[in-house]
Amino acid sequence: MKSKVKEVEVTLSSKELIANAISKLSPEELAAIYPPIVRANFVVRKSWLGRNQVITFVNNKNQRITYSHDEVLKVMLPKLNIMPCWIKREYWSQSTDMPSNVRHLATVENLESTEK
């Protein structure tokens, strides 16, 4: 009795291809491709996971906050995975400060007040 096995061609989406390529890079190569960025607010994106991206922003208390996107996102993912905004957009931001449950992962530097 012969059985025929169909060959199934698996095609990956462009997002999946990029994620696979990024996962194979060394930390040095990632740092060269994704240098530290300065933003106006705190942000995490699913598409940035694996980049080892370092992000800096100034909060509403005039503090410069620097964090590793991957470390922060890994801690936040359990909660984010059930939030409708994350499910729809795979993006979450906060304009005033960093969430309290991940502040311990960031470096905080107090800036001089510009008001006199």
C-alpha atoms as a PDB file:
ATOM      1  CA  MET A   1       0.000   0.000   0.000  1.00  0.00           C
ATOM      2  CA  LYS A   2       1.486   3.266  -1.108  1.00  0.00           C
ATOM      3  CA  SER A   3       0.749   6.504   0.642  1.00  0.00           C
ATOM      4  CA  LYS A   4       1.262   9.839  -0.977  1.00  0.00           C
ATOM      5  CA  VAL A   5       2.743  12.578   1.100  1.00  0.00           C
ATOM      6  CA  LYS A   6       2.063  16.068  -0.071  1.00  0.00           C
ATOM      7  CA  GLU A   7       4.890  18.491   0.232  1.00  0.00           C
ATOM      8  CA  VAL A   8       3.770  21.704   1.803  1.00  0.00           C
ATOM      9  CA  GLU A   9       5.751  24.818   1.065  1.00  0.00           C
ATOM     10  CA  VAL A  10       6.009  27.066   4.085  1.00  0.00           C
ATOM     11  CA  THR A  11       6.322  30.743   3.357  1.00  0.00           C
ATOM     12  CA  LEU A  12       7.223  33.160   6.072  1.00  0.00           C
ATOM     13  CA  SER A  13       5.927  36.686   6.249  1.00  0.00           C
ATOM     14  CA  SER A  14       8.396  39.537   5.954  1.00  0.00           C
ATOM     15  CA  LYS A  15       8.061  40.178   9.715  1.00  0.00           C
ATOM     16  CA  GLU A  16       8.977  36.572  10.449  1.00  0.00           C
ATOM     17  CA  LEU A  17      11.954  36.654   8.063  1.00  0.00           C
ATOM     18  CA  ILE A  18      13.268  39.836   9.685  1.00  0.00           C
ATOM     19  CA  ALA A  19      12.758  38.445  13.202  1.00  0.00           C
ATOM     20  CA  ASN A  20      14.666  35.277  12.251  1.00  0.00           C
ATOM     21  CA  ALA A  21      17.553  37.287  10.807  1.00  0.00           C
ATOM     22  CA  ILE A  22      17.710  39.581  13.854  1.00  0.00           C
ATOM     23  CA  SER A  23      17.742  36.634  16.265  1.00  0.00           C
ATOM     24  CA  LYS A  24      20.963  35.366  14.645  1.00  0.00           C
ATOM     25  CA  LEU A  25      22.917  38.617  15.156  1.00  0.00           C
ATOM     26  CA  SER A  26      25.476  39.158  17.914  1.00  0.00           C
ATOM     27  CA  PRO A  27      25.012  41.928  20.511  1.00  0.00           C
ATOM     28  CA  GLU A  28      27.726  43.968  18.769  1.00  0.00           C
ATOM     29  CA  GLU A  29      25.977  43.685  15.406  1.00  0.00           C
ATOM     30  CA  LEU A  30      22.652  44.626  16.997  1.00  0.00           C
ATOM     31  CA  ALA A  31      24.222  47.707  18.598  1.00  0.00           C
ATOM     32  CA  ALA A  32      25.600  48.778  15.214  1.00  0.00           C
ATOM     33  CA  ILE A  33      22.258  48.327  13.468  1.00  0.00           C
ATOM     34  CA  TYR A  34      20.064  49.680  16.282  1.00  0.00           C
ATOM     35  CA  PRO A  35      21.977  52.433  18.106  1.00  0.00           C
ATOM     36  CA  PRO A  36      20.493  53.980  21.277  1.00  0.00           C
ATOM     37  CA  ILE A  37      17.546  56.271  20.533  1.00  0.00           C
ATOM     38  CA  VAL A  38      16.022  59.259  22.298  1.00  0.00           C
ATOM     39  CA  ARG A  39      12.240  59.427  22.440  1.00  0.00           C
ATOM     40  CA  ALA A  40       9.731  61.848  23.912  1.00  0.00           C
ATOM     41  CA  ASN A  41       8.033  59.100  25.928  1.00  0.00           C
ATOM     42  CA  PHE A  42       8.231  55.547  27.235  1.00  0.00           C
ATOM     43  CA  VAL A  43       7.391  52.963  24.566  1.00  0.00           C
ATOM     44  CA  VAL A  44       7.471  49.203  23.979  1.00  0.00           C
ATOM     45  CA  ARG A  45       6.752  47.490  20.654  1.00  0.00           C
ATOM     46  CA  LYS A  46       6.479  43.806  19.878  1.00  0.00           C
ATOM     47  CA  SER A  47       8.340  44.340  16.604  1.00  0.00           C
ATOM     48  CA  TRP A  48      11.353  45.727  18.510  1.00  0.00           C
ATOM     49  CA  LEU A  49      11.777  42.590  20.656  1.00  0.00           C
ATOM     50  CA  GLY A  50      15.180  41.033  20.024  1.00  0.00           C
ATOM     51  CA  ARG A  51      16.864  44.244  18.875  1.00  0.00           C
ATOM     52  CA  ASN A  52      18.509  44.870  22.240  1.00  0.00           C
ATOM     53  CA  GLN A  53      17.435  48.508  21.734  1.00  0.00           C
ATOM     54  CA  VAL A  54      18.422  51.082  24.379  1.00  0.00           C
ATOM     55  CA  ILE A  55      15.911  53.922  24.719  1.00  0.00           C
ATOM     56  CA  THR A  56      16.182  57.219  26.588  1.00  0.00           C
ATOM     57  CA  PHE A  57      13.428  59.719  27.385  1.00  0.00           C
ATOM     58  CA  VAL A  58      12.787  62.568  29.836  1.00  0.00           C
ATOM     59  CA  ASN A  59       9.766  62.101  32.105  1.00  0.00           C
ATOM     60  CA  ASN A  60       7.478  64.747  33.593  1.00  0.00           C
ATOM     61  CA  LYS A  61       9.697  64.945  36.729  1.00  0.00           C
ATOM     62  CA  ASN A  62      12.623  66.163  34.594  1.00  0.00           C
ATOM     63  CA  GLN A  63      14.487  62.861  34.944  1.00  0.00           C
ATOM     64  CA  ARG A  64      16.362  61.234  32.075  1.00  0.00           C
ATOM     65  CA  ILE A  65      15.397  57.562  32.006  1.00  0.00           C
ATOM     66  CA  THR A  66      17.376  54.998  30.020  1.00  0.00           C
ATOM     67  CA  TYR A  67      16.156  51.429  29.635  1.00  0.00           C
ATOM     68  CA  SER A  68      16.755  48.260  27.652  1.00  0.00           C
ATOM     69  CA  HIS A  69      13.639  47.666  25.579  1.00  0.00           C
ATOM     70  CA  ASP A  70      13.983  43.858  25.618  1.00  0.00           C
ATOM     71  CA  GLU A  71      14.386  43.595  29.406  1.00  0.00           C
ATOM     72  CA  VAL A  72      11.413  45.861  30.074  1.00  0.00           C
ATOM     73  CA  LEU A  73       9.185  44.197  27.477  1.00  0.00           C
ATOM     74  CA  LYS A  74       9.863  40.708  28.838  1.00  0.00           C
ATOM     75  CA  VAL A  75       8.632  41.820  32.281  1.00  0.00           C
ATOM     76  CA  MET A  76       5.598  43.625  30.840  1.00  0.00           C
ATOM     77  CA  LEU A  77       4.488  40.949  28.311  1.00  0.00           C
ATOM     78  CA  PRO A  78       2.216  38.895  30.601  1.00  0.00           C
ATOM     79  CA  LYS A  79       0.074  41.953  31.308  1.00  0.00           C
ATOM     80  CA  LEU A  80       0.334  43.403  27.805  1.00  0.00           C
ATOM     81  CA  ASN A  81      -0.780  40.157  26.138  1.00  0.00           C
ATOM     82  CA  ILE A  82      -4.279  40.584  27.596  1.00  0.00           C
ATOM     83  CA  MET A  83      -4.656  44.296  26.818  1.00  0.00           C
ATOM     84  CA  PRO A  84      -6.823  45.139  23.768  1.00  0.00           C
ATOM     85  CA  CYS A  85      -4.472  47.916  22.601  1.00  0.00           C
ATOM     86  CA  TRP A  86      -1.507  45.502  22.581  1.00  0.00           C
ATOM     87  CA  ILE A  87      -3.483  42.780  20.829  1.00  0.00           C
ATOM     88  CA  LYS A  88      -4.559  45.214  18.111  1.00  0.00           C
ATOM     89  CA  ARG A  89      -1.425  47.361  17.666  1.00  0.00           C
ATOM     90  CA  GLU A  90       1.424  45.416  19.378  1.00  0.00           C
ATOM     91  CA  TYR A  91       2.517  48.776  20.786  1.00  0.00           C
ATOM     92  CA  TRP A  92       2.186  50.486  24.165  1.00  0.00           C
ATOM     93  CA  SER A  93       3.414  53.876  25.357  1.00  0.00           C
ATOM     94  CA  GLN A  94       3.129  56.200  28.299  1.00  0.00           C
ATOM     95  CA  SER A  95       3.871  59.902  28.014  1.00  0.00           C
ATOM     96  CA  THR A  96       4.416  60.904  31.651  1.00  0.00           C
ATOM     97  CA  ASP A  97       6.735  58.298  33.147  1.00  0.00           C
ATOM     98  CA  MET A  98       7.854  54.679  33.094  1.00  0.00           C
ATOM     99  CA  PRO A  99       5.501  52.041  34.587  1.00  0.00           C
ATOM    100  CA  SER A 100       6.301  51.419  38.248  1.00  0.00           C
ATOM    101  CA  ASN A 101       6.699  47.642  37.835  1.00  0.00           C
ATOM    102  CA  VAL A 102       9.722  48.090  35.525  1.00  0.00           C
ATOM    103  CA  ARG A 103      11.407  51.209  36.957  1.00  0.00           C
ATOM    104  CA  HIS A 104      13.982  49.049  38.715  1.00  0.00           C
ATOM    105  CA  LEU A 105      15.277  48.008  35.266  1.00  0.00           C
ATOM    106  CA  ALA A 106      16.062  51.591  34.206  1.00  0.00           C
ATOM    107  CA  THR A 107      18.800  54.089  34.897  1.00  0.00           C
ATOM    108  CA  VAL A 108      17.426  57.389  36.228  1.00  0.00           C
ATOM    109  CA  GLU A 109      19.366  60.645  36.069  1.00  0.00           C
ATOM    110  CA  ASN A 110      17.988  63.861  37.591  1.00  0.00           C
ATOM    111  CA  LEU A 111      18.362  66.827  35.266  1.00  0.00           C
ATOM    112  CA  GLU A 112      18.898  70.437  36.272  1.00  0.00           C
ATOM    113  CA  SER A 113      15.721  72.461  36.446  1.00  0.00           C
ATOM    114  CA  THR A 114      15.466  75.003  33.635  1.00  0.00           C
ATOM    115  CA  GLU A 115      12.992  77.132  35.569  1.00  0.00           C
ATOM    116  CA  LYS A 116      14.223  79.816  37.975  1.00  0.00           C
END
